[in-house]
Amino acid sequence: MTVGEAYKAKLLTWERIDRAVSAYLADSSKLAVLEFGGKRLDVAAAVNANPWARVFVSDRGFTQEQQRMAVRTAILLELVG
């Protein structure tokens, strides 16, 4: 199943992505997983794979919204990559 198919089947929604982002940002030491269509995405692994996202989440000088966007972007890049 592709990401597009999962989205069309409503297995992958913006709300589910936002919940995964919130869980990761609330406590990055705990496992935050995005599950859809029998697949699992480790949010921390997605962030760690993206140097840009790592900078945004590790530097508290960025706003919460900037951090959320960085994590969301890392997730989306993992999903389509």
PDB file of N, CA and C in Angstrom:
ATOM      1  N   MET A   1       0.848  -1.179   0.000  1.00  0.00           N
ATOM      2  CA  MET A   1       0.000   0.000   0.000  1.00  0.00           C
ATOM      3  C   MET A   1       0.888   1.235   0.000  1.00  0.00           C
ATOM      4  N   THR A   2       0.594   2.151  -0.885  1.00  0.00           N
ATOM      5  CA  THR A   2       1.344   3.398  -0.934  1.00  0.00           C
ATOM      6  C   THR A   2       0.791   4.386   0.089  1.00  0.00           C
ATOM      7  N   VAL A   3       1.538   5.442   0.319  1.00  0.00           N
ATOM      8  CA  VAL A   3       1.081   6.493   1.233  1.00  0.00           C
ATOM      9  C   VAL A   3      -0.203   7.108   0.694  1.00  0.00           C
ATOM     10  N   GLY A   4      -0.265   7.351  -0.613  1.00  0.00           N
ATOM     11  CA  GLY A   4      -1.468   7.920  -1.228  1.00  0.00           C
ATOM     12  C   GLY A   4      -2.682   7.029  -1.043  1.00  0.00           C
ATOM     13  N   GLU A   5      -2.483   5.731  -1.218  1.00  0.00           N
ATOM     14  CA  GLU A   5      -3.589   4.784  -1.027  1.00  0.00           C
ATOM     15  C   GLU A   5      -4.045   4.768   0.430  1.00  0.00           C
ATOM     16  N   ALA A   6      -3.093   4.818   1.347  1.00  0.00           N
ATOM     17  CA  ALA A   6      -3.441   4.847   2.775  1.00  0.00           C
ATOM     18  C   ALA A   6      -4.214   6.116   3.106  1.00  0.00           C
ATOM     19  N   TYR A   7      -3.816   7.228   2.508  1.00  0.00           N
ATOM     20  CA  TYR A   7      -4.514   8.491   2.747  1.00  0.00           C
ATOM     21  C   TYR A   7      -5.933   8.428   2.189  1.00  0.00           C
ATOM     22  N   LYS A   8      -6.080   7.933   0.974  1.00  0.00           N
ATOM     23  CA  LYS A   8      -7.406   7.833   0.363  1.00  0.00           C
ATOM     24  C   LYS A   8      -8.311   6.890   1.145  1.00  0.00           C
ATOM     25  N   ALA A   9      -7.728   5.842   1.716  1.00  0.00           N
ATOM     26  CA  ALA A   9      -8.506   4.881   2.503  1.00  0.00           C
ATOM     27  C   ALA A   9      -8.742   5.377   3.929  1.00  0.00           C
ATOM     28  N   LYS A  10      -8.265   6.579   4.217  1.00  0.00           N
ATOM     29  CA  LYS A  10      -8.409   7.208   5.536  1.00  0.00           C
ATOM     30  C   LYS A  10      -7.708   6.420   6.643  1.00  0.00           C
ATOM     31  N   LEU A  11      -6.681   5.649   6.262  1.00  0.00           N
ATOM     32  CA  LEU A  11      -5.852   4.967   7.248  1.00  0.00           C
ATOM     33  C   LEU A  11      -4.761   5.898   7.753  1.00  0.00           C
ATOM     34  N   LEU A  12      -4.411   6.866   6.936  1.00  0.00           N
ATOM     35  CA  LEU A  12      -3.407   7.866   7.277  1.00  0.00           C
ATOM     36  C   LEU A  12      -4.062   9.229   7.143  1.00  0.00           C
ATOM     37  N   THR A  13      -4.187   9.921   8.255  1.00  0.00           N
ATOM     38  CA  THR A  13      -4.856  11.224   8.249  1.00  0.00           C
ATOM     39  C   THR A  13      -3.934  12.262   8.874  1.00  0.00           C
ATOM     40  N   TRP A  14      -4.240  13.535   8.624  1.00  0.00           N
ATOM     41  CA  TRP A  14      -3.476  14.612   9.250  1.00  0.00           C
ATOM     42  C   TRP A  14      -3.607  14.546  10.761  1.00  0.00           C
ATOM     43  N   GLU A  15      -4.765  14.140  11.245  1.00  0.00           N
ATOM     44  CA  GLU A  15      -4.967  14.040  12.693  1.00  0.00           C
ATOM     45  C   GLU A  15      -4.040  12.993  13.301  1.00  0.00           C
ATOM     46  N   ARG A  16      -3.889  11.862  12.623  1.00  0.00           N
ATOM     47  CA  ARG A  16      -3.006  10.802  13.132  1.00  0.00           C
ATOM     48  C   ARG A  16      -1.550  11.255  13.100  1.00  0.00           C
ATOM     49  N   ILE A  17      -1.173  11.970  12.042  1.00  0.00           N
ATOM     50  CA  ILE A  17       0.184  12.504  11.962  1.00  0.00           C
ATOM     51  C   ILE A  17       0.405  13.514  13.085  1.00  0.00           C
ATOM     52  N   ASP A  18      -0.573  14.384  13.305  1.00  0.00           N
ATOM     53  CA  ASP A  18      -0.448  15.388  14.372  1.00  0.00           C
ATOM     54  C   ASP A  18      -0.349  14.745  15.749  1.00  0.00           C
ATOM     55  N   ARG A  19      -1.091  13.665  15.976  1.00  0.00           N
ATOM     56  CA  ARG A  19      -0.991  12.959  17.262  1.00  0.00           C
ATOM     57  C   ARG A  19       0.403  12.371  17.456  1.00  0.00           C
ATOM     58  N   ALA A  20       0.967  11.823  16.372  1.00  0.00           N
ATOM     59  CA  ALA A  20       2.325  11.257  16.455  1.00  0.00           C
ATOM     60  C   ALA A  20       3.345  12.359  16.726  1.00  0.00           C
ATOM     61  N   VAL A  21       3.178  13.504  16.083  1.00  0.00           N
ATOM     62  CA  VAL A  21       4.064  14.653  16.318  1.00  0.00           C
ATOM     63  C   VAL A  21       3.958  15.092  17.773  1.00  0.00           C
ATOM     64  N   SER A  22       2.748  15.226  18.272  1.00  0.00           N
ATOM     65  CA  SER A  22       2.538  15.650  19.660  1.00  0.00           C
ATOM     66  C   SER A  22       3.161  14.672  20.635  1.00  0.00           C
ATOM     67  N   ALA A  23       2.984  13.389  20.388  1.00  0.00           N
ATOM     68  CA  ALA A  23       3.552  12.367  21.276  1.00  0.00           C
ATOM     69  C   ALA A  23       5.074  12.460  21.289  1.00  0.00           C
ATOM     70  N   TYR A  24       5.675  12.637  20.133  1.00  0.00           N
ATOM     71  CA  TYR A  24       7.126  12.751  20.058  1.00  0.00           C
ATOM     72  C   TYR A  24       7.618  13.998  20.794  1.00  0.00           C
ATOM     73  N   LEU A  25       6.988  15.128  20.549  1.00  0.00           N
ATOM     74  CA  LEU A  25       7.440  16.368  21.170  1.00  0.00           C
ATOM     75  C   LEU A  25       7.166  16.404  22.673  1.00  0.00           C
ATOM     76  N   ALA A  26       6.163  15.686  23.135  1.00  0.00           N
ATOM     77  CA  ALA A  26       5.867  15.643  24.572  1.00  0.00           C
ATOM     78  C   ALA A  26       6.988  14.931  25.332  1.00  0.00           C
ATOM     79  N   ASP A  27       7.539  13.867  24.726  1.00  0.00           N
ATOM     80  CA  ASP A  27       8.629  13.128  25.364  1.00  0.00           C
ATOM     81  C   ASP A  27       9.325  12.299  24.295  1.00  0.00           C
ATOM     82  N   SER A  28      10.406  12.834  23.766  1.00  0.00           N
ATOM     83  CA  SER A  28      11.102  12.157  22.669  1.00  0.00           C
ATOM     84  C   SER A  28      11.812  10.882  23.110  1.00  0.00           C
ATOM     85  N   SER A  29      11.907  10.637  24.416  1.00  0.00           N
ATOM     86  CA  SER A  29      12.530   9.403  24.885  1.00  0.00           C
ATOM     87  C   SER A  29      11.561   8.224  24.846  1.00  0.00           C
ATOM     88  N   LYS A  30      10.273   8.512  24.719  1.00  0.00           N
ATOM     89  CA  LYS A  30       9.268   7.453  24.619  1.00  0.00           C
ATOM     90  C   LYS A  30       8.996   7.153  23.149  1.00  0.00           C
ATOM     91  N   LEU A  31       8.644   5.923  22.872  1.00  0.00           N
ATOM     92  CA  LEU A  31       8.362   5.503  21.504  1.00  0.00           C
ATOM     93  C   LEU A  31       7.102   6.187  20.990  1.00  0.00           C
ATOM     94  N   ALA A  32       7.244   6.878  19.871  1.00  0.00           N
ATOM     95  CA  ALA A  32       6.095   7.482  19.187  1.00  0.00           C
ATOM     96  C   ALA A  32       6.043   6.839  17.808  1.00  0.00           C
ATOM     97  N   VAL A  33       4.941   6.163  17.525  1.00  0.00           N
ATOM     98  CA  VAL A  33       4.821   5.403  16.286  1.00  0.00           C
ATOM     99  C   VAL A  33       3.572   5.845  15.539  1.00  0.00           C
ATOM    100  N   LEU A  34       3.726   5.987  14.242  1.00  0.00           N
ATOM    101  CA  LEU A  34       2.596   6.266  13.363  1.00  0.00           C
ATOM    102  C   LEU A  34       2.280   4.963  12.647  1.00  0.00           C
ATOM    103  N   GLU A  35       1.083   4.424  12.874  1.00  0.00           N
ATOM    104  CA  GLU A  35       0.679   3.160  12.260  1.00  0.00           C
ATOM    105  C   GLU A  35      -0.422   3.412  11.246  1.00  0.00           C
ATOM    106  N   PHE A  36      -0.290   2.744  10.088  1.00  0.00           N
ATOM    107  CA  PHE A  36      -1.317   2.858   9.050  1.00  0.00           C
ATOM    108  C   PHE A  36      -1.149   1.712   8.061  1.00  0.00           C
ATOM    109  N   GLY A  37      -2.247   1.141   7.653  1.00  0.00           N
ATOM    110  CA  GLY A  37      -2.233   0.104   6.632  1.00  0.00           C
ATOM    111  C   GLY A  37      -1.260  -1.029   6.880  1.00  0.00           C
ATOM    112  N   GLY A  38      -1.097  -1.423   8.137  1.00  0.00           N
ATOM    113  CA  GLY A  38      -0.180  -2.503   8.468  1.00  0.00           C
ATOM    114  C   GLY A  38       1.279  -2.076   8.525  1.00  0.00           C
ATOM    115  N   LYS A  39       1.554  -0.792   8.384  1.00  0.00           N
ATOM    116  CA  LYS A  39       2.915  -0.282   8.444  1.00  0.00           C
ATOM    117  C   LYS A  39       3.088   0.536   9.715  1.00  0.00           C
ATOM    118  N   ARG A  40       4.363   0.652  10.145  1.00  0.00           N
ATOM    119  CA  ARG A  40       4.690   1.428  11.346  1.00  0.00           C
ATOM    120  C   ARG A  40       5.857   2.347  11.026  1.00  0.00           C
ATOM    121  N   LEU A  41       5.751   3.579  11.474  1.00  0.00           N
ATOM    122  CA  LEU A  41       6.830   4.533  11.296  1.00  0.00           C
ATOM    123  C   LEU A  41       7.250   5.046  12.664  1.00  0.00           C
ATOM    124  N   ASP A  42       8.509   4.831  13.010  1.00  0.00           N
ATOM    125  CA  ASP A  42       9.080   5.325  14.260  1.00  0.00           C
ATOM    126  C   ASP A  42       9.394   6.806  14.053  1.00  0.00           C
ATOM    127  N   VAL A  43       8.721   7.674  14.772  1.00  0.00           N
ATOM    128  CA  VAL A  43       8.868   9.118  14.593  1.00  0.00           C
ATOM    129  C   VAL A  43      10.283   9.564  14.945  1.00  0.00           C
ATOM    130  N   ALA A  44      10.857   9.032  16.012  1.00  0.00           N
ATOM    131  CA  ALA A  44      12.222   9.415  16.391  1.00  0.00           C
ATOM    132  C   ALA A  44      13.216   9.043  15.294  1.00  0.00           C
ATOM    133  N   ALA A  45      13.037   7.900  14.672  1.00  0.00           N
ATOM    134  CA  ALA A  45      13.928   7.493  13.583  1.00  0.00           C
ATOM    135  C   ALA A  45      13.789   8.440  12.398  1.00  0.00           C
ATOM    136  N   ALA A  46      12.570   8.875  12.121  1.00  0.00           N
ATOM    137  CA  ALA A  46      12.354   9.820  11.021  1.00  0.00           C
ATOM    138  C   ALA A  46      13.046  11.146  11.316  1.00  0.00           C
ATOM    139  N   VAL A  47      12.937  11.614  12.552  1.00  0.00           N
ATOM    140  CA  VAL A  47      13.587  12.873  12.942  1.00  0.00           C
ATOM    141  C   VAL A  47      15.104  12.713  12.886  1.00  0.00           C
ATOM    142  N   ASN A  48      15.604  11.610  13.403  1.00  0.00           N
ATOM    143  CA  ASN A  48      17.050  11.389  13.412  1.00  0.00           C
ATOM    144  C   ASN A  48      17.629  11.252  12.007  1.00  0.00           C
ATOM    145  N   ALA A  49      16.829  10.813  11.067  1.00  0.00           N
ATOM    146  CA  ALA A  49      17.283  10.672   9.681  1.00  0.00           C
ATOM    147  C   ALA A  49      17.308  12.004   8.942  1.00  0.00           C
ATOM    148  N   ASN A  50      16.748  13.048   9.560  1.00  0.00           N
ATOM    149  CA  ASN A  50      16.646  14.341   8.894  1.00  0.00           C
ATOM    150  C   ASN A  50      17.451  15.383   9.677  1.00  0.00           C
ATOM    151  N   PRO A  51      18.627  15.793   9.157  1.00  0.00           N
ATOM    152  CA  PRO A  51      19.469  16.738   9.900  1.00  0.00           C
ATOM    153  C   PRO A  51      18.758  18.051  10.232  1.00  0.00           C
ATOM    154  N   TRP A  52      17.943  18.530   9.330  1.00  0.00           N
ATOM    155  CA  TRP A  52      17.205  19.774   9.544  1.00  0.00           C
ATOM    156  C   TRP A  52      16.245  19.630  10.728  1.00  0.00           C
ATOM    157  N   ALA A  53      15.509  18.526  10.767  1.00  0.00           N
ATOM    158  CA  ALA A  53      14.568  18.296  11.869  1.00  0.00           C
ATOM    159  C   ALA A  53      15.307  18.156  13.192  1.00  0.00           C
ATOM    160  N   ARG A  54      16.457  17.479  13.174  1.00  0.00           N
ATOM    161  CA  ARG A  54      17.239  17.328  14.410  1.00  0.00           C
ATOM    162  C   ARG A  54      17.615  18.684  14.995  1.00  0.00           C
ATOM    163  N   VAL A  55      17.998  19.622  14.147  1.00  0.00           N
ATOM    164  CA  VAL A  55      18.365  20.958  14.623  1.00  0.00           C
ATOM    165  C   VAL A  55      17.158  21.634  15.276  1.00  0.00           C
ATOM    166  N   PHE A  56      16.024  21.575  14.618  1.00  0.00           N
ATOM    167  CA  PHE A  56      14.841  22.264  15.131  1.00  0.00           C
ATOM    168  C   PHE A  56      14.351  21.697  16.453  1.00  0.00           C
ATOM    169  N   VAL A  57      14.404  20.387  16.622  1.00  0.00           N
ATOM    170  CA  VAL A  57      13.883  19.819  17.871  1.00  0.00           C
ATOM    171  C   VAL A  57      14.893  19.885  19.004  1.00  0.00           C
ATOM    172  N   SER A  58      16.174  20.009  18.676  1.00  0.00           N
ATOM    173  CA  SER A  58      17.177  20.047  19.745  1.00  0.00           C
ATOM    174  C   SER A  58      17.459  21.458  20.238  1.00  0.00           C
ATOM    175  N   ASP A  59      17.094  22.464  19.470  1.00  0.00           N
ATOM    176  CA  ASP A  59      17.350  23.860  19.845  1.00  0.00           C
ATOM    177  C   ASP A  59      16.050  24.474  20.361  1.00  0.00           C
ATOM    178  N   ARG A  60      15.999  24.736  21.654  1.00  0.00           N
ATOM    179  CA  ARG A  60      14.778  25.272  22.269  1.00  0.00           C
ATOM    180  C   ARG A  60      14.520  26.730  21.882  1.00  0.00           C
ATOM    181  N   GLY A  61      15.390  27.301  21.039  1.00  0.00           N
ATOM    182  CA  GLY A  61      15.187  28.660  20.559  1.00  0.00           C
ATOM    183  C   GLY A  61      14.106  28.741  19.486  1.00  0.00           C
ATOM    184  N   PHE A  62      13.729  27.595  18.946  1.00  0.00           N
ATOM    185  CA  PHE A  62      12.664  27.569  17.947  1.00  0.00           C
ATOM    186  C   PHE A  62      11.307  27.460  18.636  1.00  0.00           C
ATOM    187  N   THR A  63      10.300  28.006  18.006  1.00  0.00           N
ATOM    188  CA  THR A  63       8.964  27.957  18.585  1.00  0.00           C
ATOM    189  C   THR A  63       8.418  26.535  18.513  1.00  0.00           C
ATOM    190  N   GLN A  64       7.386  26.284  19.287  1.00  0.00           N
ATOM    191  CA  GLN A  64       6.749  24.971  19.278  1.00  0.00           C
ATOM    192  C   GLN A  64       6.203  24.663  17.888  1.00  0.00           C
ATOM    193  N   GLU A  65       5.642  25.662  17.222  1.00  0.00           N
ATOM    194  CA  GLU A  65       5.098  25.428  15.885  1.00  0.00           C
ATOM    195  C   GLU A  65       6.211  25.099  14.892  1.00  0.00           C
ATOM    196  N   GLN A  66       7.355  25.738  15.016  1.00  0.00           N
ATOM    197  CA  GLN A  66       8.485  25.413  14.140  1.00  0.00           C
ATOM    198  C   GLN A  66       8.965  23.983  14.389  1.00  0.00           C
ATOM    199  N   GLN A  67       8.993  23.588  15.639  1.00  0.00           N
ATOM    200  CA  GLN A  67       9.389  22.219  15.964  1.00  0.00           C
ATOM    201  C   GLN A  67       8.370  21.214  15.427  1.00  0.00           C
ATOM    202  N   ARG A  68       7.077  21.536  15.574  1.00  0.00           N
ATOM    203  CA  ARG A  68       6.031  20.651  15.059  1.00  0.00           C
ATOM    204  C   ARG A  68       6.171  20.486  13.544  1.00  0.00           C
ATOM    205  N   MET A  69       6.423  21.577  12.855  1.00  0.00           N
ATOM    206  CA  MET A  69       6.552  21.528  11.407  1.00  0.00           C
ATOM    207  C   MET A  69       7.769  20.696  11.001  1.00  0.00           C
ATOM    208  N   ALA A  70       8.857  20.818  11.737  1.00  0.00           N
ATOM    209  CA  ALA A  70      10.061  20.040  11.431  1.00  0.00           C
ATOM    210  C   ALA A  70       9.808  18.546  11.595  1.00  0.00           C
ATOM    211  N   VAL A  71       9.135  18.165  12.679  1.00  0.00           N
ATOM    212  CA  VAL A  71       8.833  16.750  12.911  1.00  0.00           C
ATOM    213  C   VAL A  71       7.848  16.247  11.851  1.00  0.00           C
ATOM    214  N   ARG A  72       6.831  17.032  11.559  1.00  0.00           N
ATOM    215  CA  ARG A  72       5.855  16.654  10.533  1.00  0.00           C
ATOM    216  C   ARG A  72       6.544  16.463   9.175  1.00  0.00           C
ATOM    217  N   THR A  73       7.447  17.360   8.840  1.00  0.00           N
ATOM    218  CA  THR A  73       8.170  17.258   7.577  1.00  0.00           C
ATOM    219  C   THR A  73       9.032  16.003   7.549  1.00  0.00           C
ATOM    220  N   ALA A  74       9.709  15.704   8.642  1.00  0.00           N
ATOM    221  CA  ALA A  74      10.532  14.491   8.710  1.00  0.00           C
ATOM    222  C   ALA A  74       9.674  13.240   8.503  1.00  0.00           C
ATOM    223  N   ILE A  75       8.502  13.222   9.107  1.00  0.00           N
ATOM    224  CA  ILE A  75       7.581  12.089   8.934  1.00  0.00           C
ATOM    225  C   ILE A  75       7.176  11.971   7.460  1.00  0.00           C
ATOM    226  N   LEU A  76       6.754  13.068   6.876  1.00  0.00           N
ATOM    227  CA  LEU A  76       6.304  13.020   5.478  1.00  0.00           C
ATOM    228  C   LEU A  76       7.414  12.609   4.536  1.00  0.00           C
ATOM    229  N   LEU A  77       8.635  13.071   4.786  1.00  0.00           N
ATOM    230  CA  LEU A  77       9.756  12.668   3.933  1.00  0.00           C
ATOM    231  C   LEU A  77      10.037  11.175   4.063  1.00  0.00           C
ATOM    232  N   GLU A  78       9.906  10.635   5.262  1.00  0.00           N
ATOM    233  CA  GLU A  78      10.078   9.196   5.447  1.00  0.00           C
ATOM    234  C   GLU A  78       8.990   8.406   4.726  1.00  0.00           C
ATOM    235  N   LEU A  79       7.761   8.930   4.777  1.00  0.00           N
ATOM    236  CA  LEU A  79       6.649   8.223   4.163  1.00  0.00           C
ATOM    237  C   LEU A  79       6.768   8.148   2.641  1.00  0.00           C
ATOM    238  N   VAL A  80       7.294   9.199   2.041  1.00  0.00           N
ATOM    239  CA  VAL A  80       7.372   9.194   0.578  1.00  0.00           C
ATOM    240  C   VAL A  80       8.736   8.727   0.068  1.00  0.00           C
ATOM    241  N   GLY A  81       9.695   8.603   0.976  1.00  0.00           N
ATOM    242  CA  GLY A  81      11.060   8.233   0.576  1.00  0.00           C
ATOM    243  C   GLY A  81      11.267   6.797   0.350  1.00  0.00           C
TER     244      GLY A  81
END
